[in-house]
Amino acid sequence: MCLNCGCMIPDDDMGDHHNITTHSLAEGAVASHMDGKTTLENMKKTLELVSPEDIDKEIAKIKGQG
C-alpha cells in the first residue's frame, strides 16, 4: 500500500495489488526500459503536473461516478 497510503512500507501492497509499491515502480521501469533512478526522477517531475483534482476525477470514474 505504502507509496499511496502513507504507511511508509514501500514494498507491502497490504494484500491488494492495486496499491502502489516498489514492485509497481519496477514494473513500470522495465516496461519503459529504464533504471530505478531515471524512473523516480521522471515520476517526481511528472507528479508536479498532477493536481489532487486530476486524481479525484479518475477516482470518480473508477467508482462509476464520472
PDB file of N, CA and C in Angstrom:
ATOM      1  N   MET A   1       0.850  -1.175   0.000  1.00  0.00           N
ATOM      2  CA  MET A   1       0.000   0.000   0.000  1.00  0.00           C
ATOM      3  C   MET A   1       0.879   1.215   0.000  1.00  0.00           C
ATOM      4  N   CYS A   2       1.758   1.218   0.788  1.00  0.00           N
ATOM      5  CA  CYS A   2       2.678   2.220   1.168  1.00  0.00           C
ATOM      6  C   CYS A   2       2.960   3.456   0.356  1.00  0.00           C
ATOM      7  N   LEU A   3       3.190   3.354  -0.879  1.00  0.00           N
ATOM      8  CA  LEU A   3       3.513   4.583  -1.598  1.00  0.00           C
ATOM      9  C   LEU A   3       2.299   5.491  -1.735  1.00  0.00           C
ATOM     10  N   ASN A   4       1.105   4.946  -1.609  1.00  0.00           N
ATOM     11  CA  ASN A   4      -0.086   5.783  -1.716  1.00  0.00           C
ATOM     12  C   ASN A   4      -0.834   5.966  -0.395  1.00  0.00           C
ATOM     13  N   CYS A   5      -0.555   5.168   0.634  1.00  0.00           N
ATOM     14  CA  CYS A   5      -1.345   5.306   1.873  1.00  0.00           C
ATOM     15  C   CYS A   5      -0.628   6.060   2.980  1.00  0.00           C
ATOM     16  N   GLY A   6       0.675   6.121   2.914  1.00  0.00           N
ATOM     17  CA  GLY A   6       1.411   6.825   3.952  1.00  0.00           C
ATOM     18  C   GLY A   6       1.940   5.937   5.060  1.00  0.00           C
ATOM     19  N   CYS A   7       1.834   4.617   4.908  1.00  0.00           N
ATOM     20  CA  CYS A   7       2.306   3.709   5.958  1.00  0.00           C
ATOM     21  C   CYS A   7       3.829   3.603   6.011  1.00  0.00           C
ATOM     22  N   MET A   8       4.495   4.114   4.993  1.00  0.00           N
ATOM     23  CA  MET A   8       5.957   4.128   4.919  1.00  0.00           C
ATOM     24  C   MET A   8       6.579   2.735   4.800  1.00  0.00           C
ATOM     25  N   ILE A   9       5.831   1.795   4.234  1.00  0.00           N
ATOM     26  CA  ILE A   9       6.355   0.457   3.946  1.00  0.00           C
ATOM     27  C   ILE A   9       6.236   0.259   2.433  1.00  0.00           C
ATOM     28  N   PRO A  10       7.214   0.733   1.667  1.00  0.00           N
ATOM     29  CA  PRO A  10       7.076   0.828   0.213  1.00  0.00           C
ATOM     30  C   PRO A  10       6.975  -0.478  -0.559  1.00  0.00           C
ATOM     31  N   ASP A  11       7.226  -1.617   0.095  1.00  0.00           N
ATOM     32  CA  ASP A  11       7.163  -2.867  -0.656  1.00  0.00           C
ATOM     33  C   ASP A  11       6.015  -3.774  -0.219  1.00  0.00           C
ATOM     34  N   ASP A  12       5.061  -3.250   0.532  1.00  0.00           N
ATOM     35  CA  ASP A  12       3.928  -4.044   1.022  1.00  0.00           C
ATOM     36  C   ASP A  12       2.635  -3.543   0.396  1.00  0.00           C
ATOM     37  N   ASP A  13       1.996  -4.386  -0.415  1.00  0.00           N
ATOM     38  CA  ASP A  13       0.746  -3.966  -1.063  1.00  0.00           C
ATOM     39  C   ASP A  13      -0.474  -4.185  -0.179  1.00  0.00           C
ATOM     40  N   MET A  14      -0.265  -4.611   1.034  1.00  0.00           N
ATOM     41  CA  MET A  14      -1.333  -4.824   2.013  1.00  0.00           C
ATOM     42  C   MET A  14      -2.418  -5.769   1.483  1.00  0.00           C
ATOM     43  N   GLY A  15      -2.011  -6.698   0.625  1.00  0.00           N
ATOM     44  CA  GLY A  15      -2.942  -7.687   0.103  1.00  0.00           C
ATOM     45  C   GLY A  15      -3.780  -7.232  -1.071  1.00  0.00           C
ATOM     46  N   ASP A  16      -3.514  -6.057  -1.603  1.00  0.00           N
ATOM     47  CA  ASP A  16      -4.280  -5.551  -2.749  1.00  0.00           C
ATOM     48  C   ASP A  16      -3.309  -5.050  -3.812  1.00  0.00           C
ATOM     49  N   HIS A  17      -3.259  -5.753  -4.939  1.00  0.00           N
ATOM     50  CA  HIS A  17      -2.292  -5.418  -5.991  1.00  0.00           C
ATOM     51  C   HIS A  17      -2.527  -4.045  -6.621  1.00  0.00           C
ATOM     52  N   HIS A  18      -3.641  -3.407  -6.317  1.00  0.00           N
ATOM     53  CA  HIS A  18      -3.895  -2.064  -6.846  1.00  0.00           C
ATOM     54  C   HIS A  18      -3.082  -0.989  -6.119  1.00  0.00           C
ATOM     55  N   ASN A  19      -2.626  -1.297  -4.916  1.00  0.00           N
ATOM     56  CA  ASN A  19      -1.805  -0.341  -4.178  1.00  0.00           C
ATOM     57  C   ASN A  19      -0.438  -0.215  -4.844  1.00  0.00           C
ATOM     58  N   ILE A  20       0.145   0.959  -4.768  1.00  0.00           N
ATOM     59  CA  ILE A  20       1.396   1.255  -5.458  1.00  0.00           C
ATOM     60  C   ILE A  20       2.577   0.889  -4.560  1.00  0.00           C
ATOM     61  N   THR A  21       3.453   0.040  -5.078  1.00  0.00           N
ATOM     62  CA  THR A  21       4.615  -0.429  -4.323  1.00  0.00           C
ATOM     63  C   THR A  21       5.890  -0.234  -5.136  1.00  0.00           C
ATOM     64  N   THR A  22       7.007  -0.561  -4.514  1.00  0.00           N
ATOM     65  CA  THR A  22       8.265  -0.522  -5.248  1.00  0.00           C
ATOM     66  C   THR A  22       8.232  -1.503  -6.417  1.00  0.00           C
ATOM     67  N   HIS A  23       7.507  -2.607  -6.259  1.00  0.00           N
ATOM     68  CA  HIS A  23       7.360  -3.562  -7.360  1.00  0.00           C
ATOM     69  C   HIS A  23       6.614  -2.916  -8.531  1.00  0.00           C
ATOM     70  N   SER A  24       5.587  -2.136  -8.238  1.00  0.00           N
ATOM     71  CA  SER A  24       4.850  -1.415  -9.285  1.00  0.00           C
ATOM     72  C   SER A  24       5.790  -0.502 -10.060  1.00  0.00           C
ATOM     73  N   LEU A  25       6.644   0.203  -9.336  1.00  0.00           N
ATOM     74  CA  LEU A  25       7.589   1.115  -9.975  1.00  0.00           C
ATOM     75  C   LEU A  25       8.597   0.346 -10.821  1.00  0.00           C
ATOM     76  N   ALA A  26       9.045  -0.794 -10.314  1.00  0.00           N
ATOM     77  CA  ALA A  26       9.990  -1.618 -11.067  1.00  0.00           C
ATOM     78  C   ALA A  26       9.352  -2.137 -12.353  1.00  0.00           C
ATOM     79  N   GLU A  27       8.084  -2.542 -12.283  1.00  0.00           N
ATOM     80  CA  GLU A  27       7.388  -2.997 -13.496  1.00  0.00           C
ATOM     81  C   GLU A  27       7.307  -1.880 -14.526  1.00  0.00           C
ATOM     82  N   GLY A  28       7.019  -0.672 -14.082  1.00  0.00           N
ATOM     83  CA  GLY A  28       6.981   0.468 -14.991  1.00  0.00           C
ATOM     84  C   GLY A  28       8.342   0.758 -15.588  1.00  0.00           C
ATOM     85  N   ALA A  29       9.380   0.645 -14.775  1.00  0.00           N
ATOM     86  CA  ALA A  29      10.742   0.875 -15.262  1.00  0.00           C
ATOM     87  C   ALA A  29      11.106  -0.136 -16.338  1.00  0.00           C
ATOM     88  N   VAL A  30      10.794  -1.398 -16.097  1.00  0.00           N
ATOM     89  CA  VAL A  30      11.084  -2.444 -17.086  1.00  0.00           C
ATOM     90  C   VAL A  30      10.307  -2.189 -18.370  1.00  0.00           C
ATOM     91  N   ALA A  31       9.036  -1.819 -18.248  1.00  0.00           N
ATOM     92  CA  ALA A  31       8.203  -1.563 -19.433  1.00  0.00           C
ATOM     93  C   ALA A  31       8.764  -0.430 -20.284  1.00  0.00           C
ATOM     94  N   SER A  32       9.420   0.532 -19.637  1.00  0.00           N
ATOM     95  CA  SER A  32       9.972   1.692 -20.345  1.00  0.00           C
ATOM     96  C   SER A  32      11.477   1.589 -20.580  1.00  0.00           C
ATOM     97  N   HIS A  33      12.037   0.426 -20.250  1.00  0.00           N
ATOM     98  CA  HIS A  33      13.477   0.184 -20.446  1.00  0.00           C
ATOM     99  C   HIS A  33      14.325   1.225 -19.709  1.00  0.00           C
ATOM    100  N   MET A  34      13.957   1.478 -18.444  1.00  0.00           N
ATOM    101  CA  MET A  34      14.677   2.465 -17.637  1.00  0.00           C
ATOM    102  C   MET A  34      15.193   1.815 -16.359  1.00  0.00           C
ATOM    103  N   ASP A  35      16.112   2.504 -15.696  1.00  0.00           N
ATOM    104  CA  ASP A  35      16.580   2.056 -14.390  1.00  0.00           C
ATOM    105  C   ASP A  35      15.763   2.755 -13.296  1.00  0.00           C
ATOM    106  N   GLY A  36      16.012   2.356 -12.057  1.00  0.00           N
ATOM    107  CA  GLY A  36      15.260   2.917 -10.945  1.00  0.00           C
ATOM    108  C   GLY A  36      15.450   4.408 -10.766  1.00  0.00           C
ATOM    109  N   LYS A  37      16.683   4.882 -10.909  1.00  0.00           N
ATOM    110  CA  LYS A  37      16.961   6.306 -10.720  1.00  0.00           C
ATOM    111  C   LYS A  37      16.184   7.151 -11.722  1.00  0.00           C
ATOM    112  N   THR A  38      16.225   6.765 -12.988  1.00  0.00           N
ATOM    113  CA  THR A  38      15.521   7.518 -14.028  1.00  0.00           C
ATOM    114  C   THR A  38      14.018   7.470 -13.812  1.00  0.00           C
ATOM    115  N   THR A  39      13.523   6.313 -13.414  1.00  0.00           N
ATOM    116  CA  THR A  39      12.089   6.165 -13.153  1.00  0.00           C
ATOM    117  C   THR A  39      11.639   7.133 -12.065  1.00  0.00           C
ATOM    118  N   LEU A  40      12.364   7.176 -10.953  1.00  0.00           N
ATOM    119  CA  LEU A  40      11.996   8.081  -9.857  1.00  0.00           C
ATOM    120  C   LEU A  40      12.129   9.540 -10.257  1.00  0.00           C
ATOM    121  N   GLU A  41      13.182   9.882 -10.993  1.00  0.00           N
ATOM    122  CA  GLU A  41      13.345  11.269 -11.447  1.00  0.00           C
ATOM    123  C   GLU A  41      12.179  11.695 -12.332  1.00  0.00           C
ATOM    124  N   ASN A  42      11.792  10.825 -13.268  1.00  0.00           N
ATOM    125  CA  ASN A  42      10.677  11.145 -14.165  1.00  0.00           C
ATOM    126  C   ASN A  42       9.365  11.261 -13.401  1.00  0.00           C
ATOM    127  N   MET A  43       9.155  10.382 -12.417  1.00  0.00           N
ATOM    128  CA  MET A  43       7.925  10.443 -11.630  1.00  0.00           C
ATOM    129  C   MET A  43       7.851  11.733 -10.821  1.00  0.00           C
ATOM    130  N   LYS A  44       8.953  12.122 -10.210  1.00  0.00           N
ATOM    131  CA  LYS A  44       8.961  13.359  -9.416  1.00  0.00           C
ATOM    132  C   LYS A  44       8.586  14.557 -10.281  1.00  0.00           C
ATOM    133  N   LYS A  45       9.170  14.640 -11.477  1.00  0.00           N
ATOM    134  CA  LYS A  45       8.863  15.754 -12.387  1.00  0.00           C
ATOM    135  C   LYS A  45       7.403  15.721 -12.825  1.00  0.00           C
ATOM    136  N   THR A  46       6.930  14.543 -13.170  1.00  0.00           N
ATOM    137  CA  THR A  46       5.565  14.416 -13.683  1.00  0.00           C
ATOM    138  C   THR A  46       4.529  14.664 -12.594  1.00  0.00           C
ATOM    139  N   LEU A  47       4.800  14.220 -11.371  1.00  0.00           N
ATOM    140  CA  LEU A  47       3.843  14.433 -10.279  1.00  0.00           C
ATOM    141  C   LEU A  47       3.605  15.909  -9.998  1.00  0.00           C
ATOM    142  N   GLU A  48       4.574  16.756 -10.333  1.00  0.00           N
ATOM    143  CA  GLU A  48       4.383  18.193 -10.160  1.00  0.00           C
ATOM    144  C   GLU A  48       3.299  18.730 -11.092  1.00  0.00           C
ATOM    145  N   LEU A  49       2.987  17.990 -12.152  1.00  0.00           N
ATOM    146  CA  LEU A  49       1.973  18.410 -13.124  1.00  0.00           C
ATOM    147  C   LEU A  49       0.576  17.895 -12.782  1.00  0.00           C
ATOM    148  N   VAL A  50       0.486  16.986 -11.816  1.00  0.00           N
ATOM    149  CA  VAL A  50      -0.784  16.350 -11.462  1.00  0.00           C
ATOM    150  C   VAL A  50      -1.370  17.038 -10.235  1.00  0.00           C
ATOM    151  N   SER A  51      -2.659  17.384 -10.319  1.00  0.00           N
ATOM    152  CA  SER A  51      -3.325  18.017  -9.179  1.00  0.00           C
ATOM    153  C   SER A  51      -4.192  16.994  -8.443  1.00  0.00           C
ATOM    154  N   PRO A  52      -4.534  17.277  -7.193  1.00  0.00           N
ATOM    155  CA  PRO A  52      -5.463  16.398  -6.481  1.00  0.00           C
ATOM    156  C   PRO A  52      -6.786  16.246  -7.236  1.00  0.00           C
ATOM    157  N   GLU A  53      -7.208  17.310  -7.909  1.00  0.00           N
ATOM    158  CA  GLU A  53      -8.460  17.254  -8.674  1.00  0.00           C
ATOM    159  C   GLU A  53      -8.352  16.266  -9.833  1.00  0.00           C
ATOM    160  N   ASP A  54      -7.178  16.192 -10.459  1.00  0.00           N
ATOM    161  CA  ASP A  54      -6.966  15.216 -11.532  1.00  0.00           C
ATOM    162  C   ASP A  54      -7.175  13.796 -11.014  1.00  0.00           C
ATOM    163  N   ILE A  55      -6.620  13.524  -9.853  1.00  0.00           N
ATOM    164  CA  ILE A  55      -6.750  12.192  -9.264  1.00  0.00           C
ATOM    165  C   ILE A  55      -8.186  11.938  -8.838  1.00  0.00           C
ATOM    166  N   ASP A  56      -8.840  12.939  -8.252  1.00  0.00           N
ATOM    167  CA  ASP A  56     -10.234  12.780  -7.833  1.00  0.00           C
ATOM    168  C   ASP A  56     -11.148  12.475  -9.014  1.00  0.00           C
ATOM    169  N   LYS A  57     -10.884  13.073 -10.180  1.00  0.00           N
ATOM    170  CA  LYS A  57     -11.672  12.775 -11.384  1.00  0.00           C
ATOM    171  C   LYS A  57     -11.518  11.314 -11.774  1.00  0.00           C
ATOM    172  N   GLU A  58     -10.296  10.797 -11.698  1.00  0.00           N
ATOM    173  CA  GLU A  58     -10.055   9.394 -12.035  1.00  0.00           C
ATOM    174  C   GLU A  58     -10.696   8.461 -11.008  1.00  0.00           C
ATOM    175  N   ILE A  59     -10.664   8.856  -9.735  1.00  0.00           N
ATOM    176  CA  ILE A  59     -11.319   8.064  -8.688  1.00  0.00           C
ATOM    177  C   ILE A  59     -12.813   7.965  -8.973  1.00  0.00           C
ATOM    178  N   ALA A  60     -13.433   9.080  -9.345  1.00  0.00           N
ATOM    179  CA  ALA A  60     -14.869   9.085  -9.655  1.00  0.00           C
ATOM    180  C   ALA A  60     -15.168   8.152 -10.824  1.00  0.00           C
ATOM    181  N   LYS A  61     -14.308   8.139 -11.840  1.00  0.00           N
ATOM    182  CA  LYS A  61     -14.507   7.236 -12.984  1.00  0.00           C
ATOM    183  C   LYS A  61     -14.443   5.780 -12.542  1.00  0.00           C
ATOM    184  N   ILE A  62     -13.456   5.463 -11.710  1.00  0.00           N
ATOM    185  CA  ILE A  62     -13.293   4.089 -11.229  1.00  0.00           C
ATOM    186  C   ILE A  62     -14.507   3.653 -10.423  1.00  0.00           C
ATOM    187  N   LYS A  63     -15.031   4.560  -9.624  1.00  0.00           N
ATOM    188  CA  LYS A  63     -16.198   4.243  -8.795  1.00  0.00           C
ATOM    189  C   LYS A  63     -17.504   4.309  -9.581  1.00  0.00           C
ATOM    190  N   GLY A  64     -17.420   4.669 -10.865  1.00  0.00           N
ATOM    191  CA  GLY A  64     -18.614   4.741 -11.698  1.00  0.00           C
ATOM    192  C   GLY A  64     -19.424   5.998 -11.509  1.00  0.00           C
ATOM    193  N   GLN A  65     -18.780   7.050 -11.008  1.00  0.00           N
ATOM    194  CA  GLN A  65     -19.486   8.300 -10.743  1.00  0.00           C
ATOM    195  C   GLN A  65     -19.082   9.412 -11.700  1.00  0.00           C
ATOM    196  N   GLY A  66     -18.285   9.072 -12.699  1.00  0.00           N
ATOM    197  CA  GLY A  66     -17.786  10.140 -13.547  1.00  0.00           C
ATOM    198  C   GLY A  66     -17.903   9.903 -14.994  1.00  0.00           C
TER     199      GLY A  66
END
